[in-house]
Amino acid sequence: MKGSTLTRLGAVTPDPQLKITGRGGLVVNAPLADLKEAWQRPLRW
């Protein structure tokens, strides 16, 4: 990986939230339970 540019992508915390920040500040702040439900809802028939 010599010559590759690296950057920190995130950190694991005990907080059950997904937080994504961009250059302008906080972009996403959503509870993991809500995100899981949105992912699983279309799979339920």
C-alpha atoms as a PDB file:
ATOM      1  CA  MET A   1       0.000   0.000   0.000  1.00  0.00           C
ATOM      2  CA  LYS A   2       3.013   2.216  -0.322  1.00  0.00           C
ATOM      3  CA  GLY A   3       2.026   5.599  -1.702  1.00  0.00           C
ATOM      4  CA  SER A   4      -1.681   5.174  -0.839  1.00  0.00           C
ATOM      5  CA  THR A   5      -3.542   8.045   0.782  1.00  0.00           C
ATOM      6  CA  LEU A   6      -5.331   7.033   3.977  1.00  0.00           C
ATOM      7  CA  THR A   7      -7.995   8.743   6.027  1.00  0.00           C
ATOM      8  CA  ARG A   8     -10.074   7.892   9.063  1.00  0.00           C
ATOM      9  CA  LEU A   9     -13.601   6.896   8.086  1.00  0.00           C
ATOM     10  CA  GLY A  10     -15.226   6.753  11.481  1.00  0.00           C
ATOM     11  CA  ALA A  11     -15.318   5.301  14.936  1.00  0.00           C
ATOM     12  CA  VAL A  12     -17.421   2.742  16.763  1.00  0.00           C
ATOM     13  CA  THR A  13     -19.251   4.114  19.795  1.00  0.00           C
ATOM     14  CA  PRO A  14     -21.838   2.695  22.194  1.00  0.00           C
ATOM     15  CA  ASP A  15     -24.357   5.315  20.978  1.00  0.00           C
ATOM     16  CA  PRO A  16     -27.075   3.600  18.836  1.00  0.00           C
ATOM     17  CA  GLN A  17     -26.963   6.372  16.212  1.00  0.00           C
ATOM     18  CA  LEU A  18     -25.431   6.677  12.761  1.00  0.00           C
ATOM     19  CA  LYS A  19     -23.756  10.064  12.529  1.00  0.00           C
ATOM     20  CA  ILE A  20     -22.129  11.225   9.316  1.00  0.00           C
ATOM     21  CA  THR A  21     -20.395  14.564   9.083  1.00  0.00           C
ATOM     22  CA  GLY A  22     -19.277  16.427   6.026  1.00  0.00           C
ATOM     23  CA  ARG A  23     -17.366  19.595   5.501  1.00  0.00           C
ATOM     24  CA  GLY A  24     -20.471  21.614   6.364  1.00  0.00           C
ATOM     25  CA  GLY A  25     -21.162  19.732   9.602  1.00  0.00           C
ATOM     26  CA  LEU A  26     -23.579  16.961  10.539  1.00  0.00           C
ATOM     27  CA  VAL A  27     -25.235  15.421   7.453  1.00  0.00           C
ATOM     28  CA  VAL A  28     -26.936  12.330   8.919  1.00  0.00           C
ATOM     29  CA  ASN A  29     -28.025  11.692  12.497  1.00  0.00           C
ATOM     30  CA  ALA A  30     -30.379   8.698  12.576  1.00  0.00           C
ATOM     31  CA  PRO A  31     -31.185   6.000  15.128  1.00  0.00           C
ATOM     32  CA  LEU A  32     -29.936   2.558  14.079  1.00  0.00           C
ATOM     33  CA  ALA A  33     -33.367   1.049  14.857  1.00  0.00           C
ATOM     34  CA  ASP A  34     -34.997   3.389  12.300  1.00  0.00           C
ATOM     35  CA  LEU A  35     -32.405   2.546   9.665  1.00  0.00           C
ATOM     36  CA  LYS A  36     -32.819  -1.198  10.263  1.00  0.00           C
ATOM     37  CA  GLU A  37     -36.601  -0.894   9.949  1.00  0.00           C
ATOM     38  CA  ALA A  38     -36.305   1.056   6.692  1.00  0.00           C
ATOM     39  CA  TRP A  39     -33.996  -1.658   5.327  1.00  0.00           C
ATOM     40  CA  GLN A  40     -36.195  -4.590   6.420  1.00  0.00           C
ATOM     41  CA  ARG A  41     -39.669  -3.131   5.700  1.00  0.00           C
ATOM     42  CA  PRO A  42     -39.632  -3.834   1.926  1.00  0.00           C
ATOM     43  CA  LEU A  43     -38.564  -7.438   2.579  1.00  0.00           C
ATOM     44  CA  ARG A  44     -41.702  -8.212   4.608  1.00  0.00           C
ATOM     45  CA  TRP A  45     -44.662  -9.403   2.542  1.00  0.00           C
END
